[in-house]
Amino acid sequence: MSEEKLAGFLKTGKDWSRLATTVPGIFVLKLPAYKNSPSRLAVELNPVDEAGKPKKRRGLVLRSMAELEEFRELIQNEKLTKLMSMLESVNPKVEAARRGREEEIIEL
């Protein structure tokens, strides 16, 4: 993907539209202008189905290299793997009901 194509997408793309890349699950997302911040592009990570369509309505949006590094550290944390394993063992096999407003904090 060339910088010219990205610049064109930033200029003419519709707000919140996705531009697919050659890597399945990695998209370029056009963010709308907000207050004093102009429109800009971000990366969206969103797993795809067999047809190449995003599985989720909105994936993980990365706006900078600093955010990418922060998420890399979080995803590689061994405690996250342990927590996900515990969640899979206690969660029902069907989609669970939505949580209430009160949130508990679990120490990792």
PDB file of N, CA and C in Angstrom:
ATOM      1  N   MET A   1       0.858  -1.181   0.000  1.00  0.00           N
ATOM      2  CA  MET A   1       0.000   0.000   0.000  1.00  0.00           C
ATOM      3  C   MET A   1       0.896   1.233   0.000  1.00  0.00           C
ATOM      4  N   SER A   2       0.638   2.113  -0.919  1.00  0.00           N
ATOM      5  CA  SER A   2       1.495   3.290  -1.057  1.00  0.00           C
ATOM      6  C   SER A   2       0.990   4.446  -0.203  1.00  0.00           C
ATOM      7  N   GLU A   3       1.905   5.360   0.097  1.00  0.00           N
ATOM      8  CA  GLU A   3       1.531   6.547   0.856  1.00  0.00           C
ATOM      9  C   GLU A   3       0.552   7.407   0.070  1.00  0.00           C
ATOM     10  N   GLU A   4       0.680   7.406  -1.276  1.00  0.00           N
ATOM     11  CA  GLU A   4      -0.254   8.183  -2.096  1.00  0.00           C
ATOM     12  C   GLU A   4      -1.671   7.648  -1.962  1.00  0.00           C
ATOM     13  N   LYS A   5      -1.811   6.323  -1.939  1.00  0.00           N
ATOM     14  CA  LYS A   5      -3.134   5.724  -1.791  1.00  0.00           C
ATOM     15  C   LYS A   5      -3.705   6.057  -0.415  1.00  0.00           C
ATOM     16  N   LEU A   6      -2.871   6.007   0.609  1.00  0.00           N
ATOM     17  CA  LEU A   6      -3.328   6.355   1.950  1.00  0.00           C
ATOM     18  C   LEU A   6      -3.727   7.826   2.038  1.00  0.00           C
ATOM     19  N   ALA A   7      -2.937   8.706   1.418  1.00  0.00           N
ATOM     20  CA  ALA A   7      -3.261  10.137   1.423  1.00  0.00           C
ATOM     21  C   ALA A   7      -4.584  10.381   0.700  1.00  0.00           C
ATOM     22  N   GLY A   8      -4.808   9.674  -0.387  1.00  0.00           N
ATOM     23  CA  GLY A   8      -6.068   9.798  -1.111  1.00  0.00           C
ATOM     24  C   GLY A   8      -7.245   9.319  -0.289  1.00  0.00           C
ATOM     25  N   PHE A   9      -7.051   8.206   0.435  1.00  0.00           N
ATOM     26  CA  PHE A   9      -8.106   7.677   1.302  1.00  0.00           C
ATOM     27  C   PHE A   9      -8.419   8.661   2.417  1.00  0.00           C
ATOM     28  N   LEU A  10      -7.392   9.279   2.981  1.00  0.00           N
ATOM     29  CA  LEU A  10      -7.602  10.275   4.033  1.00  0.00           C
ATOM     30  C   LEU A  10      -8.397  11.460   3.497  1.00  0.00           C
ATOM     31  N   LYS A  11      -8.122  11.832   2.257  1.00  0.00           N
ATOM     32  CA  LYS A  11      -8.763  13.012   1.672  1.00  0.00           C
ATOM     33  C   LYS A  11     -10.192  12.715   1.202  1.00  0.00           C
ATOM     34  N   THR A  12     -10.419  11.563   0.573  1.00  0.00           N
ATOM     35  CA  THR A  12     -11.714  11.313  -0.069  1.00  0.00           C
ATOM     36  C   THR A  12     -12.556  10.219   0.587  1.00  0.00           C
ATOM     37  N   GLY A  13     -11.977   9.443   1.497  1.00  0.00           N
ATOM     38  CA  GLY A  13     -12.730   8.364   2.134  1.00  0.00           C
ATOM     39  C   GLY A  13     -13.800   8.891   3.076  1.00  0.00           C
ATOM     40  N   LYS A  14     -14.855   8.096   3.257  1.00  0.00           N
ATOM     41  CA  LYS A  14     -15.918   8.461   4.186  1.00  0.00           C
ATOM     42  C   LYS A  14     -15.458   8.177   5.612  1.00  0.00           C
ATOM     43  N   ASP A  15     -15.943   8.994   6.558  1.00  0.00           N
ATOM     44  CA  ASP A  15     -15.613   8.780   7.970  1.00  0.00           C
ATOM     45  C   ASP A  15     -16.009   7.368   8.396  1.00  0.00           C
ATOM     46  N   TRP A  16     -15.171   6.725   9.175  1.00  0.00           N
ATOM     47  CA  TRP A  16     -15.340   5.377   9.730  1.00  0.00           C
ATOM     48  C   TRP A  16     -15.277   4.278   8.667  1.00  0.00           C
ATOM     49  N   SER A  17     -14.884   4.596   7.442  1.00  0.00           N
ATOM     50  CA  SER A  17     -14.780   3.537   6.436  1.00  0.00           C
ATOM     51  C   SER A  17     -13.459   2.793   6.600  1.00  0.00           C
ATOM     52  N   ARG A  18     -13.478   1.530   6.154  1.00  0.00           N
ATOM     53  CA  ARG A  18     -12.305   0.661   6.247  1.00  0.00           C
ATOM     54  C   ARG A  18     -11.693   0.468   4.873  1.00  0.00           C
ATOM     55  N   LEU A  19     -10.392   0.376   4.871  1.00  0.00           N
ATOM     56  CA  LEU A  19      -9.648   0.046   3.664  1.00  0.00           C
ATOM     57  C   LEU A  19      -8.884  -1.237   3.977  1.00  0.00           C
ATOM     58  N   ALA A  20      -9.173  -2.296   3.252  1.00  0.00           N
ATOM     59  CA  ALA A  20      -8.517  -3.586   3.492  1.00  0.00           C
ATOM     60  C   ALA A  20      -7.058  -3.518   3.074  1.00  0.00           C
ATOM     61  N   THR A  21      -6.240  -4.339   3.704  1.00  0.00           N
ATOM     62  CA  THR A  21      -4.837  -4.468   3.337  1.00  0.00           C
ATOM     63  C   THR A  21      -4.604  -5.884   2.822  1.00  0.00           C
ATOM     64  N   THR A  22      -3.382  -6.179   2.457  1.00  0.00           N
ATOM     65  CA  THR A  22      -3.067  -7.526   1.973  1.00  0.00           C
ATOM     66  C   THR A  22      -2.958  -8.529   3.112  1.00  0.00           C
ATOM     67  N   VAL A  23      -2.976  -8.045   4.334  1.00  0.00           N
ATOM     68  CA  VAL A  23      -2.920  -8.940   5.491  1.00  0.00           C
ATOM     69  C   VAL A  23      -4.339  -9.087   6.045  1.00  0.00           C
ATOM     70  N   PRO A  24      -4.916 -10.292   5.989  1.00  0.00           N
ATOM     71  CA  PRO A  24      -6.270 -10.483   6.509  1.00  0.00           C
ATOM     72  C   PRO A  24      -6.342 -10.081   7.989  1.00  0.00           C
ATOM     73  N   GLY A  25      -7.337  -9.264   8.311  1.00  0.00           N
ATOM     74  CA  GLY A  25      -7.527  -8.838   9.698  1.00  0.00           C
ATOM     75  C   GLY A  25      -6.899  -7.494  10.027  1.00  0.00           C
ATOM     76  N   ILE A  26      -6.126  -6.928   9.093  1.00  0.00           N
ATOM     77  CA  ILE A  26      -5.536  -5.606   9.304  1.00  0.00           C
ATOM     78  C   ILE A  26      -6.157  -4.649   8.296  1.00  0.00           C
ATOM     79  N   PHE A  27      -6.780  -3.593   8.824  1.00  0.00           N
ATOM     80  CA  PHE A  27      -7.471  -2.612   8.003  1.00  0.00           C
ATOM     81  C   PHE A  27      -6.948  -1.216   8.322  1.00  0.00           C
ATOM     82  N   VAL A  28      -7.148  -0.285   7.382  1.00  0.00           N
ATOM     83  CA  VAL A  28      -6.906   1.132   7.628  1.00  0.00           C
ATOM     84  C   VAL A  28      -8.285   1.748   7.829  1.00  0.00           C
ATOM     85  N   LEU A  29      -8.435   2.507   8.888  1.00  0.00           N
ATOM     86  CA  LEU A  29      -9.710   3.088   9.280  1.00  0.00           C
ATOM     87  C   LEU A  29      -9.607   4.603   9.224  1.00  0.00           C
ATOM     88  N   LYS A  30     -10.586   5.252   8.578  1.00  0.00           N
ATOM     89  CA  LYS A  30     -10.588   6.712   8.541  1.00  0.00           C
ATOM     90  C   LYS A  30     -11.394   7.235   9.719  1.00  0.00           C
ATOM     91  N   LEU A  31     -10.706   7.953  10.602  1.00  0.00           N
ATOM     92  CA  LEU A  31     -11.353   8.545  11.764  1.00  0.00           C
ATOM     93  C   LEU A  31     -11.838   9.941  11.410  1.00  0.00           C
ATOM     94  N   PRO A  32     -13.022  10.316  11.871  1.00  0.00           N
ATOM     95  CA  PRO A  32     -13.539  11.651  11.554  1.00  0.00           C
ATOM     96  C   PRO A  32     -12.826  12.737  12.343  1.00  0.00           C
ATOM     97  N   ALA A  33     -12.955  13.966  11.862  1.00  0.00           N
ATOM     98  CA  ALA A  33     -12.433  15.113  12.613  1.00  0.00           C
ATOM     99  C   ALA A  33     -13.222  15.218  13.920  1.00  0.00           C
ATOM    100  N   TYR A  34     -12.537  15.669  14.969  1.00  0.00           N
ATOM    101  CA  TYR A  34     -13.205  15.802  16.263  1.00  0.00           C
ATOM    102  C   TYR A  34     -12.648  17.026  16.970  1.00  0.00           C
ATOM    103  N   LYS A  35     -13.511  17.961  17.267  1.00  0.00           N
ATOM    104  CA  LYS A  35     -13.141  19.225  17.907  1.00  0.00           C
ATOM    105  C   LYS A  35     -11.980  19.862  17.144  1.00  0.00           C
ATOM    106  N   ASN A  36     -10.811  19.993  17.760  1.00  0.00           N
ATOM    107  CA  ASN A  36      -9.662  20.625  17.115  1.00  0.00           C
ATOM    108  C   ASN A  36      -8.765  19.637  16.368  1.00  0.00           C
ATOM    109  N   SER A  37      -9.120  18.364  16.391  1.00  0.00           N
ATOM    110  CA  SER A  37      -8.304  17.341  15.743  1.00  0.00           C
ATOM    111  C   SER A  37      -8.838  17.055  14.332  1.00  0.00           C
ATOM    112  N   PRO A  38      -7.975  17.103  13.316  1.00  0.00           N
ATOM    113  CA  PRO A  38      -8.431  16.828  11.947  1.00  0.00           C
ATOM    114  C   PRO A  38      -8.677  15.332  11.732  1.00  0.00           C
ATOM    115  N   SER A  39      -9.306  14.989  10.609  1.00  0.00           N
ATOM    116  CA  SER A  39      -9.473  13.586  10.232  1.00  0.00           C
ATOM    117  C   SER A  39      -8.102  12.940  10.154  1.00  0.00           C
ATOM    118  N   ARG A  40      -8.028  11.673  10.503  1.00  0.00           N
ATOM    119  CA  ARG A  40      -6.758  10.960  10.387  1.00  0.00           C
ATOM    120  C   ARG A  40      -7.019   9.480  10.186  1.00  0.00           C
ATOM    121  N   LEU A  41      -5.970   8.766   9.849  1.00  0.00           N
ATOM    122  CA  LEU A  41      -6.067   7.332   9.620  1.00  0.00           C
ATOM    123  C   LEU A  41      -5.519   6.580  10.821  1.00  0.00           C
ATOM    124  N   ALA A  42      -6.075   5.399  11.046  1.00  0.00           N
ATOM    125  CA  ALA A  42      -5.617   4.524  12.118  1.00  0.00           C
ATOM    126  C   ALA A  42      -5.621   3.094  11.583  1.00  0.00           C
ATOM    127  N   VAL A  43      -5.003   2.201  12.317  1.00  0.00           N
ATOM    128  CA  VAL A  43      -5.012   0.779  11.974  1.00  0.00           C
ATOM    129  C   VAL A  43      -6.084   0.116  12.825  1.00  0.00           C
ATOM    130  N   GLU A  44      -6.865  -0.752  12.201  1.00  0.00           N
ATOM    131  CA  GLU A  44      -7.845  -1.549  12.936  1.00  0.00           C
ATOM    132  C   GLU A  44      -7.469  -3.016  12.797  1.00  0.00           C
ATOM    133  N   LEU A  45      -7.342  -3.700  13.923  1.00  0.00           N
ATOM    134  CA  LEU A  45      -7.098  -5.136  13.935  1.00  0.00           C
ATOM    135  C   LEU A  45      -8.428  -5.813  14.233  1.00  0.00           C
ATOM    136  N   ASN A  46      -8.879  -6.649  13.313  1.00  0.00           N
ATOM    137  CA  ASN A  46     -10.183  -7.272  13.460  1.00  0.00           C
ATOM    138  C   ASN A  46     -10.148  -8.603  12.714  1.00  0.00           C
ATOM    139  N   PRO A  47     -10.241  -9.721  13.429  1.00  0.00           N
ATOM    140  CA  PRO A  47     -10.208 -11.021  12.756  1.00  0.00           C
ATOM    141  C   PRO A  47     -11.274 -11.091  11.658  1.00  0.00           C
ATOM    142  N   VAL A  48     -10.980 -11.855  10.612  1.00  0.00           N
ATOM    143  CA  VAL A  48     -11.909 -11.963   9.490  1.00  0.00           C
ATOM    144  C   VAL A  48     -12.469 -13.380   9.373  1.00  0.00           C
ATOM    145  N   ASP A  49     -13.637 -13.477   8.725  1.00  0.00           N
ATOM    146  CA  ASP A  49     -14.235 -14.785   8.468  1.00  0.00           C
ATOM    147  C   ASP A  49     -13.677 -15.356   7.162  1.00  0.00           C
ATOM    148  N   GLU A  50     -14.261 -16.458   6.701  1.00  0.00           N
ATOM    149  CA  GLU A  50     -13.775 -17.126   5.498  1.00  0.00           C
ATOM    150  C   GLU A  50     -13.890 -16.238   4.254  1.00  0.00           C
ATOM    151  N   ALA A  51     -14.847 -15.310   4.267  1.00  0.00           N
ATOM    152  CA  ALA A  51     -15.055 -14.414   3.130  1.00  0.00           C
ATOM    153  C   ALA A  51     -14.185 -13.161   3.210  1.00  0.00           C
ATOM    154  N   GLY A  52     -13.389 -13.032   4.275  1.00  0.00           N
ATOM    155  CA  GLY A  52     -12.530 -11.864   4.428  1.00  0.00           C
ATOM    156  C   GLY A  52     -13.209 -10.674   5.069  1.00  0.00           C
ATOM    157  N   LYS A  53     -14.427 -10.867   5.567  1.00  0.00           N
ATOM    158  CA  LYS A  53     -15.179  -9.795   6.229  1.00  0.00           C
ATOM    159  C   LYS A  53     -14.836  -9.781   7.720  1.00  0.00           C
ATOM    160  N   PRO A  54     -14.756  -8.591   8.328  1.00  0.00           N
ATOM    161  CA  PRO A  54     -14.462  -8.506   9.766  1.00  0.00           C
ATOM    162  C   PRO A  54     -15.499  -9.259  10.597  1.00  0.00           C
ATOM    163  N   LYS A  55     -15.033  -9.979  11.612  1.00  0.00           N
ATOM    164  CA  LYS A  55     -15.934 -10.737  12.477  1.00  0.00           C
ATOM    165  C   LYS A  55     -16.653  -9.846  13.480  1.00  0.00           C
ATOM    166  N   LYS A  56     -16.009  -8.774  13.886  1.00  0.00           N
ATOM    167  CA  LYS A  56     -16.585  -7.887  14.885  1.00  0.00           C
ATOM    168  C   LYS A  56     -16.958  -6.566  14.234  1.00  0.00           C
ATOM    169  N   ARG A  57     -17.904  -5.892  14.855  1.00  0.00           N
ATOM    170  CA  ARG A  57     -18.316  -4.593  14.328  1.00  0.00           C
ATOM    171  C   ARG A  57     -17.152  -3.606  14.354  1.00  0.00           C
ATOM    172  N   ARG A  58     -16.408  -3.596  15.437  1.00  0.00           N
ATOM    173  CA  ARG A  58     -15.243  -2.719  15.551  1.00  0.00           C
ATOM    174  C   ARG A  58     -14.138  -3.516  16.223  1.00  0.00           C
ATOM    175  N   GLY A  59     -12.968  -3.484  15.662  1.00  0.00           N
ATOM    176  CA  GLY A  59     -11.828  -4.194  16.217  1.00  0.00           C
ATOM    177  C   GLY A  59     -11.000  -3.291  17.109  1.00  0.00           C
ATOM    178  N   LEU A  60      -9.778  -3.664  17.314  1.00  0.00           N
ATOM    179  CA  LEU A  60      -8.832  -2.894  18.109  1.00  0.00           C
ATOM    180  C   LEU A  60      -8.258  -1.790  17.231  1.00  0.00           C
ATOM    181  N   VAL A  61      -8.450  -0.537  17.642  1.00  0.00           N
ATOM    182  CA  VAL A  61      -7.998   0.601  16.849  1.00  0.00           C
ATOM    183  C   VAL A  61      -6.694   1.130  17.427  1.00  0.00           C
ATOM    184  N   LEU A  62      -5.681   1.223  16.570  1.00  0.00           N
ATOM    185  CA  LEU A  62      -4.366   1.711  16.970  1.00  0.00           C
ATOM    186  C   LEU A  62      -4.087   3.023  16.255  1.00  0.00           C
ATOM    187  N   ARG A  63      -3.804   4.067  17.042  1.00  0.00           N
ATOM    188  CA  ARG A  63      -3.604   5.393  16.476  1.00  0.00           C
ATOM    189  C   ARG A  63      -2.136   5.805  16.370  1.00  0.00           C
ATOM    190  N   SER A  64      -1.252   5.075  17.044  1.00  0.00           N
ATOM    191  CA  SER A  64       0.165   5.471  17.030  1.00  0.00           C
ATOM    192  C   SER A  64       1.051   4.258  17.295  1.00  0.00           C
ATOM    193  N   MET A  65       2.333   4.433  17.018  1.00  0.00           N
ATOM    194  CA  MET A  65       3.308   3.376  17.314  1.00  0.00           C
ATOM    195  C   MET A  65       3.379   3.118  18.818  1.00  0.00           C
ATOM    196  N   ALA A  66       3.225   4.171  19.614  1.00  0.00           N
ATOM    197  CA  ALA A  66       3.259   4.012  21.074  1.00  0.00           C
ATOM    198  C   ALA A  66       2.117   3.100  21.536  1.00  0.00           C
ATOM    199  N   GLU A  67       0.916   3.288  20.981  1.00  0.00           N
ATOM    200  CA  GLU A  67      -0.208   2.417  21.333  1.00  0.00           C
ATOM    201  C   GLU A  67       0.069   0.979  20.915  1.00  0.00           C
ATOM    202  N   LEU A  68       0.647   0.789  19.732  1.00  0.00           N
ATOM    203  CA  LEU A  68       0.979  -0.553  19.268  1.00  0.00           C
ATOM    204  C   LEU A  68       1.912  -1.242  20.251  1.00  0.00           C
ATOM    205  N   GLU A  69       2.935  -0.550  20.690  1.00  0.00           N
ATOM    206  CA  GLU A  69       3.886  -1.136  21.644  1.00  0.00           C
ATOM    207  C   GLU A  69       3.216  -1.460  22.982  1.00  0.00           C
ATOM    208  N   GLU A  70       2.338  -0.579  23.442  1.00  0.00           N
ATOM    209  CA  GLU A  70       1.633  -0.828  24.702  1.00  0.00           C
ATOM    210  C   GLU A  70       0.764  -2.076  24.598  1.00  0.00           C
ATOM    211  N   PHE A  71       0.041  -2.237  23.483  1.00  0.00           N
ATOM    212  CA  PHE A  71      -0.795  -3.419  23.301  1.00  0.00           C
ATOM    213  C   PHE A  71       0.046  -4.675  23.132  1.00  0.00           C
ATOM    214  N   ARG A  72       1.187  -4.571  22.457  1.00  0.00           N
ATOM    215  CA  ARG A  72       2.078  -5.738  22.330  1.00  0.00           C
ATOM    216  C   ARG A  72       2.498  -6.252  23.696  1.00  0.00           C
ATOM    217  N   GLU A  73       2.882  -5.331  24.566  1.00  0.00           N
ATOM    218  CA  GLU A  73       3.290  -5.726  25.919  1.00  0.00           C
ATOM    219  C   GLU A  73       2.149  -6.391  26.668  1.00  0.00           C
ATOM    220  N   LEU A  74       0.944  -5.829  26.563  1.00  0.00           N
ATOM    221  CA  LEU A  74      -0.208  -6.413  27.246  1.00  0.00           C
ATOM    222  C   LEU A  74      -0.542  -7.798  26.709  1.00  0.00           C
ATOM    223  N   ILE A  75      -0.547  -7.945  25.386  1.00  0.00           N
ATOM    224  CA  ILE A  75      -0.922  -9.225  24.779  1.00  0.00           C
ATOM    225  C   ILE A  75       0.105 -10.306  25.086  1.00  0.00           C
ATOM    226  N   GLN A  76       1.373  -9.939  25.202  1.00  0.00           N
ATOM    227  CA  GLN A  76       2.413 -10.928  25.475  1.00  0.00           C
ATOM    228  C   GLN A  76       2.541 -11.272  26.954  1.00  0.00           C
ATOM    229  N   ASN A  77       1.806 -10.595  27.810  1.00  0.00           N
ATOM    230  CA  ASN A  77       1.886 -10.848  29.243  1.00  0.00           C
ATOM    231  C   ASN A  77       1.369 -12.255  29.552  1.00  0.00           C
ATOM    232  N   GLU A  78       2.163 -13.036  30.261  1.00  0.00           N
ATOM    233  CA  GLU A  78       1.794 -14.410  30.613  1.00  0.00           C
ATOM    234  C   GLU A  78       0.514 -14.460  31.431  1.00  0.00           C
ATOM    235  N   LYS A  79       0.274 -13.448  32.238  1.00  0.00           N
ATOM    236  CA  LYS A  79      -0.921 -13.435  33.077  1.00  0.00           C
ATOM    237  C   LYS A  79      -2.191 -13.298  32.240  1.00  0.00           C
ATOM    238  N   LEU A  80      -2.108 -12.649  31.089  1.00  0.00           N
ATOM    239  CA  LEU A  80      -3.260 -12.561  30.201  1.00  0.00           C
ATOM    240  C   LEU A  80      -3.613 -13.949  29.673  1.00  0.00           C
ATOM    241  N   THR A  81      -2.619 -14.723  29.286  1.00  0.00           N
ATOM    242  CA  THR A  81      -2.853 -16.084  28.804  1.00  0.00           C
ATOM    243  C   THR A  81      -3.503 -16.925  29.894  1.00  0.00           C
ATOM    244  N   LYS A  82      -3.002 -16.802  31.104  1.00  0.00           N
ATOM    245  CA  LYS A  82      -3.564 -17.542  32.238  1.00  0.00           C
ATOM    246  C   LYS A  82      -5.013 -17.120  32.490  1.00  0.00           C
ATOM    247  N   LEU A  83      -5.269 -15.813  32.452  1.00  0.00           N
ATOM    248  CA  LEU A  83      -6.625 -15.313  32.672  1.00  0.00           C
ATOM    249  C   LEU A  83      -7.573 -15.812  31.590  1.00  0.00           C
ATOM    250  N   MET A  84      -7.158 -15.767  30.326  1.00  0.00           N
ATOM    251  CA  MET A  84      -8.022 -16.234  29.240  1.00  0.00           C
ATOM    252  C   MET A  84      -8.335 -17.724  29.394  1.00  0.00           C
ATOM    253  N   SER A  85      -7.369 -18.487  29.826  1.00  0.00           N
ATOM    254  CA  SER A  85      -7.590 -19.911  30.055  1.00  0.00           C
ATOM    255  C   SER A  85      -8.614 -20.125  31.167  1.00  0.00           C
ATOM    256  N   MET A  86      -8.489 -19.356  32.238  1.00  0.00           N
ATOM    257  CA  MET A  86      -9.445 -19.471  33.341  1.00  0.00           C
ATOM    258  C   MET A  86     -10.846 -19.068  32.884  1.00  0.00           C
ATOM    259  N   LEU A  87     -10.938 -18.016  32.088  1.00  0.00           N
ATOM    260  CA  LEU A  87     -12.239 -17.567  31.595  1.00  0.00           C
ATOM    261  C   LEU A  87     -12.896 -18.629  30.723  1.00  0.00           C
ATOM    262  N   GLU A  88     -12.112 -19.241  29.849  1.00  0.00           N
ATOM    263  CA  GLU A  88     -12.668 -20.287  28.988  1.00  0.00           C
ATOM    264  C   GLU A  88     -13.173 -21.475  29.792  1.00  0.00           C
ATOM    265  N   SER A  89     -12.529 -21.756  30.915  1.00  0.00           N
ATOM    266  CA  SER A  89     -12.958 -22.902  31.718  1.00  0.00           C
ATOM    267  C   SER A  89     -14.223 -22.610  32.521  1.00  0.00           C
ATOM    268  N   VAL A  90     -14.470 -21.362  32.873  1.00  0.00           N
ATOM    269  CA  VAL A  90     -15.656 -21.051  33.680  1.00  0.00           C
ATOM    270  C   VAL A  90     -16.826 -20.513  32.867  1.00  0.00           C
ATOM    271  N   ASN A  91     -16.571 -19.960  31.692  1.00  0.00           N
ATOM    272  CA  ASN A  91     -17.655 -19.405  30.881  1.00  0.00           C
ATOM    273  C   ASN A  91     -18.507 -20.506  30.287  1.00  0.00           C
ATOM    274  N   PRO A  92     -19.818 -20.268  30.171  1.00  0.00           N
ATOM    275  CA  PRO A  92     -20.666 -21.243  29.477  1.00  0.00           C
ATOM    276  C   PRO A  92     -20.302 -21.267  27.996  1.00  0.00           C
ATOM    277  N   LYS A  93     -20.648 -22.338  27.338  1.00  0.00           N
ATOM    278  CA  LYS A  93     -20.293 -22.501  25.925  1.00  0.00           C
ATOM    279  C   LYS A  93     -21.083 -21.563  25.016  1.00  0.00           C
ATOM    280  N   VAL A  94     -22.273 -21.157  25.440  1.00  0.00           N
ATOM    281  CA  VAL A  94     -23.056 -20.205  24.645  1.00  0.00           C
ATOM    282  C   VAL A  94     -22.714 -18.797  25.094  1.00  0.00           C
ATOM    283  N   GLU A  95     -23.103 -17.810  24.278  1.00  0.00           N
ATOM    284  CA  GLU A  95     -22.806 -16.427  24.608  1.00  0.00           C
ATOM    285  C   GLU A  95     -23.499 -16.046  25.915  1.00  0.00           C
ATOM    286  N   ALA A  96     -22.732 -15.517  26.847  1.00  0.00           N
ATOM    287  CA  ALA A  96     -23.262 -15.152  28.153  1.00  0.00           C
ATOM    288  C   ALA A  96     -24.058 -13.855  28.069  1.00  0.00           C
ATOM    289  N   ALA A  97     -24.944 -13.665  29.036  1.00  0.00           N
ATOM    290  CA  ALA A  97     -25.720 -12.426  29.113  1.00  0.00           C
ATOM    291  C   ALA A  97     -24.794 -11.266  29.435  1.00  0.00           C
ATOM    292  N   ARG A  98     -25.204 -10.069  29.073  1.00  0.00           N
ATOM    293  CA  ARG A  98     -24.380  -8.880  29.329  1.00  0.00           C
ATOM    294  C   ARG A  98     -24.270  -8.615  30.821  1.00  0.00           C
ATOM    295  N   ARG A  99     -23.104  -8.043  31.180  1.00  0.00           N
ATOM    296  CA  ARG A  99     -22.854  -7.702  32.582  1.00  0.00           C
ATOM    297  C   ARG A  99     -23.740  -6.548  33.022  1.00  0.00           C
ATOM    298  N   GLY A 100     -23.953  -6.500  34.329  1.00  0.00           N
ATOM    299  CA  GLY A 100     -24.679  -5.375  34.903  1.00  0.00           C
ATOM    300  C   GLY A 100     -23.768  -4.167  34.997  1.00  0.00           C
ATOM    301  N   ARG A 101     -24.252  -3.107  35.582  1.00  0.00           N
ATOM    302  CA  ARG A 101     -23.469  -1.874  35.666  1.00  0.00           C
ATOM    303  C   ARG A 101     -22.330  -1.976  36.665  1.00  0.00           C
ATOM    304  N   GLU A 102     -22.511  -2.760  37.697  1.00  0.00           N
ATOM    305  CA  GLU A 102     -21.485  -2.858  38.733  1.00  0.00           C
ATOM    306  C   GLU A 102     -20.373  -3.791  38.253  1.00  0.00           C
ATOM    307  N   GLU A 103     -19.149  -3.312  38.249  1.00  0.00           N
ATOM    308  CA  GLU A 103     -18.030  -4.115  37.779  1.00  0.00           C
ATOM    309  C   GLU A 103     -17.121  -4.476  38.938  1.00  0.00           C
ATOM    310  N   GLU A 104     -16.696  -5.721  38.965  1.00  0.00           N
ATOM    311  CA  GLU A 104     -15.746  -6.159  39.969  1.00  0.00           C
ATOM    312  C   GLU A 104     -14.354  -6.098  39.355  1.00  0.00           C
ATOM    313  N   ILE A 105     -13.361  -5.969  40.208  1.00  0.00           N
ATOM    314  CA  ILE A 105     -11.975  -5.978  39.750  1.00  0.00           C
ATOM    315  C   ILE A 105     -11.337  -7.252  40.262  1.00  0.00           C
ATOM    316  N   ILE A 106     -10.672  -7.972  39.354  1.00  0.00           N
ATOM    317  CA  ILE A 106     -10.000  -9.218  39.715  1.00  0.00           C
ATOM    318  C   ILE A 106      -8.508  -8.987  39.656  1.00  0.00           C
ATOM    319  N   GLU A 107      -7.825  -9.276  40.749  1.00  0.00           N
ATOM    320  CA  GLU A 107      -6.374  -9.091  40.808  1.00  0.00           C
ATOM    321  C   GLU A 107      -5.694 -10.200  40.027  1.00  0.00           C
ATOM    322  N   LEU A 108      -4.747  -9.817  39.204  1.00  0.00           N
ATOM    323  CA  LEU A 108      -3.994 -10.804  38.381  1.00  0.00           C
ATOM    324  C   LEU A 108      -2.637 -11.062  38.975  1.00  0.00           C
TER     325      LEU A 108
END
